[in-house]
């Protein structure tokens, strides 16, 4: 197996890694860097559980080869909470009970974070569009959307039944 040395910034830290040509970004994060917050769901780019930000844009890390991220900047869910302090978005997910089993949560957080970075005042339709690639089989999405709205300053508290 051929290996390539890559240099990539992950959550602000520069990493120099030897990776096989067929290793995905998902595998690199989980196996080489022990960043297991990024979940391995479908391995086909369909569920969004493995979403990370690559140079600021959400991508399914199961569909990107590690060698392709040489020279890039990657942000994972661990990078949202430096020093263990939750981001406002993560806090909103907790306050609005937007987490049930939690498997989709890292990908949802990353897609929502990317949205709020490019549009700090999204409409409900824009939130839904930003999350279209992230599947959740537990929450029904209402609480997730409310949490993103709260992080954007649109919802002050948990709404009844949401």
Protein backbone atom coordinates (compact mmCIF):
# COMPACT_ATOMS: atom_id res chain seq x y z
CA UNK A 1 0.00 0.00 0.00
CA UNK A 2 1.35 3.41 -0.99
CA UNK A 3 1.46 6.07 1.72
CA UNK A 4 1.57 9.81 1.31
CA UNK A 5 2.64 12.39 3.86
CA UNK A 6 0.09 15.16 4.28
CA UNK A 7 -0.04 18.29 6.38
CA UNK A 8 -3.49 19.34 7.50
CA UNK A 9 -4.80 21.74 10.12
CA UNK A 10 -7.38 19.98 12.31
CA UNK A 11 -9.25 22.03 14.90
CA UNK A 12 -6.51 24.63 14.75
CA UNK A 13 -3.58 22.23 15.22
CA UNK A 14 -1.24 21.41 12.35
CA UNK A 15 -0.89 17.66 11.83
CA UNK A 16 1.67 15.88 9.66
CA UNK A 17 0.50 12.37 8.88
CA UNK A 18 1.41 9.41 6.71
CA UNK A 19 -1.82 8.11 5.22
CA UNK A 20 -2.56 5.32 2.77
CA UNK A 21 -3.90 6.43 -0.60
CA UNK A 22 -7.29 4.81 0.04
CA UNK A 23 -7.89 6.17 3.59
CA UNK A 24 -10.89 8.46 3.94
CA UNK A 25 -10.88 11.68 5.92
CA UNK A 26 -13.32 9.98 8.30
CA UNK A 27 -10.91 7.12 8.91
CA UNK A 28 -8.00 9.52 9.33
CA UNK A 29 -9.85 11.56 11.93
CA UNK A 30 -11.02 8.55 13.91
CA UNK A 31 -8.04 6.19 13.53
CA UNK A 32 -5.00 8.45 13.20
CA UNK A 33 -6.12 11.39 15.36
CA UNK A 34 -8.56 9.68 17.78
CA UNK A 35 -11.23 12.29 17.02
CA UNK A 36 -14.20 9.97 17.41
CA UNK A 37 -16.88 12.64 17.61
CA UNK A 38 -17.23 12.37 13.85
CA UNK A 39 -19.49 9.35 13.40
CA UNK A 40 -19.23 6.55 10.86
CA UNK A 41 -22.76 6.11 9.58
CA UNK A 42 -23.47 4.89 6.07
CA UNK A 43 -20.02 5.24 4.44
CA UNK A 44 -21.87 6.30 1.27
CA UNK A 45 -22.38 10.04 1.76
CA UNK A 46 -26.08 9.65 2.46
CA UNK A 47 -26.61 10.18 6.22
CA UNK A 48 -24.42 13.16 7.18
CA UNK A 49 -23.26 11.63 10.48
CA UNK A 50 -19.65 12.17 9.39
CA UNK A 51 -20.03 15.84 8.41
CA UNK A 52 -17.01 18.03 9.10
CA UNK A 53 -16.03 21.43 7.76
CA UNK A 54 -13.34 21.40 5.09
CA UNK A 55 -12.01 24.91 4.53
CA UNK A 56 -15.27 26.14 6.06
CA UNK A 57 -17.66 24.07 3.94
CA UNK A 58 -19.57 21.04 5.21
CA UNK A 59 -18.51 17.75 3.62
CA UNK A 60 -19.22 14.09 4.24
CA UNK A 61 -15.84 12.95 5.48
CA UNK A 62 -16.56 9.39 4.34
CA UNK A 63 -16.50 10.62 0.74
CA UNK A 64 -13.21 12.57 0.90
CA UNK A 65 -9.83 10.88 0.73
CA UNK A 66 -7.34 11.92 3.38
CA UNK A 67 -4.76 12.72 0.70
CA UNK A 68 -7.20 15.29 -0.72
CA UNK A 69 -7.05 17.40 2.46
CA UNK A 70 -3.31 18.06 2.24
CA UNK A 71 -2.91 21.78 2.99
CA UNK A 72 -6.52 22.19 4.09
CA UNK A 73 -8.24 23.26 7.29
CA UNK A 74 -10.61 20.74 8.92
CA UNK A 75 -13.00 21.49 11.76
CA UNK A 76 -14.63 18.60 13.63
CA UNK A 77 -17.26 18.63 16.35
CA UNK A 78 -14.46 18.52 18.93
CA UNK A 79 -13.25 21.84 17.55
CA UNK A 80 -16.56 23.51 18.45
CA UNK A 81 -15.76 23.16 22.16
CA UNK A 82 -12.15 24.13 22.72
CA UNK A 83 -11.09 23.47 26.30
CA UNK A 84 -14.41 21.71 26.91
CA UNK A 85 -16.51 24.88 26.81
CA UNK A 86 -19.62 24.28 24.71
CA UNK A 87 -20.31 26.61 21.82
CA UNK A 88 -23.61 28.56 21.86
CA UNK A 89 -24.90 26.13 19.21
CA UNK A 90 -24.03 23.08 21.30
CA UNK A 91 -25.59 24.72 24.34
CA UNK A 92 -28.77 25.42 22.35
CA UNK A 93 -28.96 21.77 21.28
CA UNK A 94 -28.86 20.78 24.96
CA UNK A 95 -31.35 23.42 26.10
CA UNK A 96 -33.84 22.55 23.36
CA UNK A 97 -33.53 18.79 23.78
CA UNK A 98 -32.32 18.50 20.19
CA UNK A 99 -30.41 15.33 21.00
CA UNK A 100 -31.99 11.95 21.43
CA UNK A 101 -29.74 9.02 20.58
CA UNK A 102 -26.97 11.49 19.64
CA UNK A 103 -25.60 9.62 16.64
CA UNK A 104 -26.53 12.32 14.11
CA UNK A 105 -25.72 15.21 16.46
CA UNK A 106 -22.08 15.83 15.46
CA UNK A 107 -23.02 16.07 11.78
CA UNK A 108 -26.06 18.24 12.54
CA UNK A 109 -23.90 20.56 14.64
CA UNK A 110 -21.29 20.90 11.90
CA UNK A 111 -23.85 21.65 9.17
CA UNK A 112 -25.63 24.14 11.44
CA UNK A 113 -22.32 25.74 12.44
CA UNK A 114 -21.40 26.22 8.78
CA UNK A 115 -24.78 27.81 8.14
CA UNK A 116 -24.45 30.23 11.05
CA UNK A 117 -20.92 31.16 9.96
CA UNK A 118 -22.11 32.22 6.53
CA UNK A 119 -25.58 33.44 7.60
CA UNK A 120 -25.97 34.40 11.27
CA UNK A 121 -29.67 35.19 10.79
CA UNK A 122 -31.13 32.27 8.79
CA UNK A 123 -34.81 31.73 8.13
CA UNK A 124 -36.43 28.44 9.06
CA UNK A 125 -36.35 27.45 5.38
CA UNK A 126 -32.60 28.20 5.22
CA UNK A 127 -32.01 26.08 8.32
CA UNK A 128 -33.95 23.19 6.81
CA UNK A 129 -31.99 23.52 3.57
CA UNK A 130 -28.66 23.55 5.44
CA UNK A 131 -29.60 20.35 7.28
CA UNK A 132 -31.02 18.49 4.27
CA UNK A 133 -27.98 16.18 4.07
CA UNK A 134 -28.19 15.15 7.72
CA UNK A 135 -30.56 12.34 8.62
CA UNK A 136 -32.08 11.90 12.06
CA UNK A 137 -34.30 8.98 12.92
CA UNK A 138 -35.12 10.02 16.50
CA UNK A 139 -36.01 13.70 17.02
CA UNK A 140 -38.21 14.56 14.06
CA UNK A 141 -36.10 17.68 13.38
CA UNK A 142 -38.38 20.22 15.13
CA UNK A 143 -36.14 20.50 18.18
CA UNK A 144 -33.03 20.62 16.03
CA UNK A 145 -34.43 23.51 13.99
CA UNK A 146 -35.48 25.32 17.20
CA UNK A 147 -31.97 24.86 18.61
CA UNK A 148 -30.39 26.40 15.51
CA UNK A 149 -32.88 29.26 15.71
CA UNK A 150 -31.99 29.76 19.38
CA UNK A 151 -28.28 29.82 18.58
CA UNK A 152 -29.08 32.50 15.98
CA UNK A 153 -30.98 34.44 18.67
CA UNK A 154 -34.43 33.74 17.23
CA UNK A 155 -35.94 31.59 19.98
CA UNK A 156 -35.44 32.56 23.60
CA UNK A 157 -36.67 29.41 25.33
CA UNK A 158 -38.04 25.95 24.74
CA UNK A 159 -41.43 26.19 23.09
CA UNK A 160 -44.20 23.91 24.33
CA UNK A 161 -44.05 20.51 22.67
CA UNK A 162 -41.14 21.47 20.43
